[in-house]
Each structure stands twice: as C-alpha cells, then as structure tokens.
Amino acid sequence: MGNENLEYNRDERIKNLEKRSDELRTETLNMYNDKKYTTQNILDSWDKKNKIDNSIKRLKKMDENEKNFDKNINLDEYRNSDGTFNVYKAKRSLNGGKGVDKIIKKLHHEGVAIGNDKKKFYTDYGVGEGDLEVRFWDEKENKDNWDKIEKVGTSKASDKEVKDILFGKSSEDWTNKDDYHLIKRNCQDYSNEKINQLTSDKQ
C-alpha cells in the first residue's frame, strides 16, 4: 500500500526502518560486552531503537487504514454528478460539553468530511480510542457525532489524488500521537491541511 507514488514508497520505508532496528539491537547488545560504553550509552541506543519501532508500528497502522479504506470506500459513490467531491469542515464541542465552546470558541474538535449530499466519509486527528492518531471512517461507523458539518469547497481530485492526500507521506506525519499539541499541532491544523490539499487549484 502507498507505493503508487514513485517518489514515496511506504513499504520500502518500513523495510529500511526494520533493517535499522535490527542493526541497533545488535549494536546495543554488543555494548554490554564493551567496557568503553556507559550505561547511558546503552540506554540511548535502546531508546533510538524503540523510537524506530514505534515508527514502524505507525506506518503499519496506516497500511491497515488504507486497506480498510480500499475495501469499504468506492469513491465514485461519493462524487457529485459532475465528478467533483464536496469538502466539508466538521465540528463539535469538546467532550467537556457545549458550554466549553461558549467560554472559548476555539476549543472545539474538527474533522473533514468528503462526499456529496447523500454520502460522506470522514477523517480527523487527535481524538478517540485513546491514541490521538489520524482516523478514517465512513457513515456506517459511528466514530464521532458532529454538531455542525459545513461545506467549505469542492474538489476535482482524482481517486489517486484523494488517496495520496489521505494516505501519502503528508498524512503519515500525523500518525504520531506524541506529536499532538493542544495549541501548536492539533485537530484543527490537520483539518485545515487536508481541506487545503483537497480544494487546491492543482486538483
């Protein structure tokens, strides 16, 4: 999956990371038998390996997301009669309740809906299932209850372009829950990026 784009191949990236993880494992174990390395050296090396292993897990999760998308989403069913998609910004108050929005209007969750008047699928980042990672689902799943879904544009993107926007390198950058920051990098940043990519004149 994700290897249609010649400039970026997720499978190749996973293989390279797995190779580096194996190398670090061997290097770290060898440090135990070499007195020139301190305990801190060993811990630092093992920490590097763990970070790489976490990256591998995230990339494999994106593979799983993409396979589920391919299995469940026929993009033709979500297009308008002229072949375009409607692009929507989806909003809801935070889990603390609607009163939170009245106090600070910026405190709300955002996602993106793509489709037409009859059928939509969704993506968001930073909430749910305790992982804060990017999510994808269609209307058959109940992963969020939006207070408002507002059309913000249309997209002329081809099937491949939609897939690249949702599952390409730029989306994989959102798979690390540790990168989430309530102010600097959150659900609204993700939705704005995806909306801009989908409604870009390049599509």
Protein backbone atom coordinates (compact mmCIF):
# COMPACT_ATOMS: atom_id res chain seq x y z
CA MET A 1 0.00 0.00 0.00
CA GLY A 2 1.07 3.59 -0.56
CA ASN A 3 3.56 2.56 -3.24
CA GLU A 4 1.74 4.04 -6.26
CA ASN A 5 3.62 7.27 -5.68
CA LEU A 6 7.07 6.73 -7.20
CA GLU A 7 8.55 9.47 -5.01
CA TYR A 8 7.48 7.75 -1.82
CA ASN A 9 7.14 4.06 -1.04
CA ARG A 10 5.84 3.19 2.41
CA ASP A 11 6.73 -0.50 2.10
CA GLU A 12 10.32 0.42 1.29
CA ARG A 13 10.45 2.82 4.21
CA ILE A 14 9.18 0.12 6.58
CA LYS A 15 11.82 -2.32 5.32
CA ASN A 16 14.59 0.24 5.81
CA LEU A 17 13.38 1.05 9.33
CA GLU A 18 13.14 -2.64 10.22
CA LYS A 19 16.71 -3.13 8.99
CA ARG A 20 17.93 -0.20 11.08
CA SER A 21 16.07 -1.53 14.14
CA ASP A 22 17.81 -4.89 13.79
CA GLU A 23 21.17 -3.14 13.46
CA LEU A 24 20.56 -1.07 16.59
CA ARG A 25 19.51 -4.15 18.51
CA THR A 26 22.79 -5.86 17.62
CA GLU A 27 24.82 -2.73 18.35
CA THR A 28 23.13 -2.23 21.72
CA LEU A 29 23.65 -5.84 22.80
CA ASN A 30 27.31 -5.61 21.80
CA MET A 31 27.71 -2.55 24.01
CA TYR A 32 27.08 -4.68 27.07
CA ASN A 33 30.33 -6.53 26.42
CA ASP A 34 32.40 -3.45 25.66
CA LYS A 35 33.62 -1.52 28.72
CA LYS A 36 34.10 1.73 26.78
CA TYR A 37 30.30 2.19 26.69
CA THR A 38 28.47 3.58 29.70
CA THR A 39 25.03 2.59 30.88
CA GLN A 40 23.78 5.87 29.44
CA ASN A 41 25.24 4.98 26.02
CA ILE A 42 23.35 1.69 26.11
CA LEU A 43 20.09 3.34 27.19
CA ASP A 44 20.40 5.99 24.47
CA SER A 45 20.95 3.34 21.82
CA TRP A 46 17.99 1.31 23.02
CA ASP A 47 15.85 4.45 23.06
CA LYS A 48 16.70 5.07 19.39
CA LYS A 49 15.62 1.53 18.59
CA ASN A 50 12.32 1.97 20.42
CA LYS A 51 11.58 5.19 18.52
CA ILE A 52 12.20 3.41 15.22
CA ASP A 53 10.00 0.50 16.31
CA ASN A 54 7.21 2.96 17.13
CA SER A 55 7.57 4.49 13.66
CA ILE A 56 7.25 1.03 12.13
CA LYS A 57 4.05 0.40 14.10
CA ARG A 58 2.56 3.70 12.94
CA LEU A 59 3.38 3.02 9.30
CA LYS A 60 1.87 -0.45 9.51
CA LYS A 61 -1.23 1.08 11.11
CA MET A 62 -1.50 3.43 8.13
CA ASP A 63 -1.24 0.39 5.85
CA GLU A 64 -4.17 -1.13 7.73
CA ASN A 65 -6.16 2.11 7.45
CA GLU A 66 -5.54 2.26 3.73
CA LYS A 67 -6.55 -1.37 3.20
CA ASN A 68 -9.79 -0.79 5.13
CA PHE A 69 -10.45 2.33 3.07
CA ASP A 70 -9.90 0.45 -0.21
CA LYS A 71 -12.20 -2.32 0.99
CA ASN A 72 -15.05 -0.11 2.20
CA ILE A 73 -14.95 3.08 0.13
CA ASN A 74 -15.88 3.28 -3.55
CA LEU A 75 -15.03 6.89 -4.32
CA ASP A 76 -17.46 7.03 -7.27
CA GLU A 77 -20.32 6.78 -4.78
CA TYR A 78 -19.16 9.97 -3.04
CA ARG A 79 -18.81 12.16 -6.14
CA ASN A 80 -21.28 14.75 -7.37
CA SER A 81 -22.86 14.32 -10.80
CA ASP A 82 -20.08 16.47 -12.32
CA GLY A 83 -17.39 14.21 -10.83
CA THR A 84 -16.32 16.55 -8.04
CA PHE A 85 -16.43 15.98 -4.29
CA ASN A 86 -17.90 18.34 -1.74
CA VAL A 87 -15.43 19.11 1.04
CA TYR A 88 -16.81 19.85 4.49
CA LYS A 89 -15.41 21.06 7.79
CA ALA A 90 -16.96 19.05 10.60
CA LYS A 91 -17.09 20.49 14.13
CA ARG A 92 -18.25 19.52 17.57
CA SER A 93 -17.74 20.80 21.09
CA LEU A 94 -15.10 19.14 23.20
CA ASN A 95 -16.05 16.24 25.43
CA GLY A 96 -16.37 18.68 28.31
CA GLY A 97 -19.72 19.81 26.91
CA LYS A 98 -21.13 22.56 24.76
CA GLY A 99 -20.58 25.13 27.50
CA VAL A 100 -16.86 24.96 26.80
CA ASP A 101 -17.39 26.44 23.34
CA LYS A 102 -19.26 29.39 24.78
CA ILE A 103 -16.33 30.23 27.03
CA ILE A 104 -13.55 29.82 24.48
CA LYS A 105 -14.78 29.43 20.91
CA LYS A 106 -11.51 27.94 19.70
CA LEU A 107 -11.95 24.91 21.93
CA HIS A 108 -13.73 22.50 19.61
CA HIS A 109 -12.86 19.38 17.69
CA GLU A 110 -12.62 19.47 13.91
CA GLY A 111 -12.56 16.88 11.17
CA VAL A 112 -13.03 16.68 7.42
CA ALA A 113 -15.95 15.17 5.54
CA ILE A 114 -15.69 14.32 1.84
CA GLY A 115 -18.60 13.33 -0.38
CA ASN A 116 -21.92 14.64 -1.64
CA ASP A 117 -25.36 15.45 -0.27
CA LYS A 118 -26.18 11.76 0.16
CA LYS A 119 -22.94 10.11 1.26
CA LYS A 120 -19.80 11.17 3.13
CA PHE A 121 -16.68 9.72 4.67
CA TYR A 122 -14.57 11.31 7.37
CA THR A 123 -11.06 11.81 8.65
CA ASP A 124 -9.75 13.53 11.76
CA TYR A 125 -6.80 13.66 14.13
CA GLY A 126 -6.22 13.94 17.83
CA VAL A 127 -9.18 12.24 19.46
CA GLY A 128 -10.78 8.89 20.13
CA GLU A 129 -9.76 5.37 21.00
CA GLY A 130 -7.12 6.77 23.33
CA ASP A 131 -4.49 7.03 20.63
CA LEU A 132 -4.83 10.61 19.26
CA GLU A 133 -3.86 9.32 15.82
CA VAL A 134 -5.36 10.12 12.44
CA ARG A 135 -8.61 8.22 11.76
CA PHE A 136 -10.68 7.37 8.68
CA TRP A 137 -14.27 6.09 8.55
CA ASP A 138 -17.50 6.17 6.57
CA GLU A 139 -21.08 6.75 7.65
CA LYS A 140 -21.56 3.08 8.51
CA GLU A 141 -19.26 3.60 11.51
CA ASN A 142 -20.12 5.83 14.43
CA LYS A 143 -16.78 7.32 15.40
CA ASP A 144 -17.93 10.87 16.05
CA ASN A 145 -21.09 12.94 16.49
CA TRP A 146 -20.60 16.28 14.80
CA ASP A 147 -22.58 19.35 15.88
CA LYS A 148 -22.03 21.05 12.52
CA ILE A 149 -20.92 19.95 9.06
CA GLU A 150 -20.29 22.95 6.80
CA LYS A 151 -19.40 22.81 3.11
CA VAL A 152 -16.18 24.76 2.55
CA GLY A 153 -15.40 23.92 -1.06
CA THR A 154 -15.30 21.33 -3.80
CA SER A 155 -12.54 19.07 -5.01
CA LYS A 156 -11.69 17.96 -8.53
CA ALA A 157 -9.20 15.41 -7.17
CA SER A 158 -8.89 12.07 -8.92
CA ASP A 159 -9.10 8.82 -6.96
CA LYS A 160 -5.31 8.65 -6.85
CA GLU A 161 -5.01 12.25 -5.68
CA VAL A 162 -7.54 11.66 -2.88
CA LYS A 163 -5.61 8.55 -1.82
CA ASP A 164 -2.30 10.46 -1.88
CA ILE A 165 -3.79 13.25 0.26
CA LEU A 166 -5.24 10.85 2.82
CA PHE A 167 -2.57 8.13 2.89
CA GLY A 168 0.57 9.71 1.43
CA LYS A 169 3.61 10.97 3.27
CA SER A 170 1.88 14.14 4.48
CA SER A 171 -0.79 12.11 6.28
CA GLU A 172 1.73 9.74 7.83
CA ASP A 173 3.22 12.79 9.52
CA TRP A 174 0.00 12.88 11.58
CA THR A 175 0.18 9.29 12.83
CA ASN A 176 2.41 10.01 15.82
CA LYS A 177 0.23 10.67 18.87
CA ASP A 178 3.27 12.09 20.66
CA ASP A 179 3.33 14.98 18.16
CA TYR A 180 -0.11 16.16 19.26
CA HIS A 181 -0.11 19.56 20.95
CA LEU A 182 -3.33 21.28 22.06
CA ILE A 183 -2.17 24.67 20.73
CA LYS A 184 0.61 24.10 18.19
CA ARG A 185 -0.43 20.90 16.40
CA ASN A 186 -3.99 19.72 16.77
CA CYS A 187 -7.15 18.55 15.02
CA GLN A 188 -7.78 21.99 13.51
CA ASP A 189 -4.33 22.09 11.94
CA TYR A 190 -4.97 18.66 10.43
CA SER A 191 -8.40 19.55 9.03
CA ASN A 192 -7.09 22.81 7.56
CA GLU A 193 -4.23 20.98 5.87
CA LYS A 194 -6.47 18.32 4.33
CA ILE A 195 -9.10 20.84 3.22
CA ASN A 196 -6.43 22.99 1.57
CA GLN A 197 -4.95 19.97 -0.19
CA LEU A 198 -8.34 18.76 -1.42
CA THR A 199 -9.55 22.15 -2.65
CA SER A 200 -6.25 23.27 -4.14
CA ASP A 201 -6.39 24.58 -7.71
CA LYS A 202 -3.83 21.87 -8.55
CA GLN A 203 -6.51 19.21 -8.11
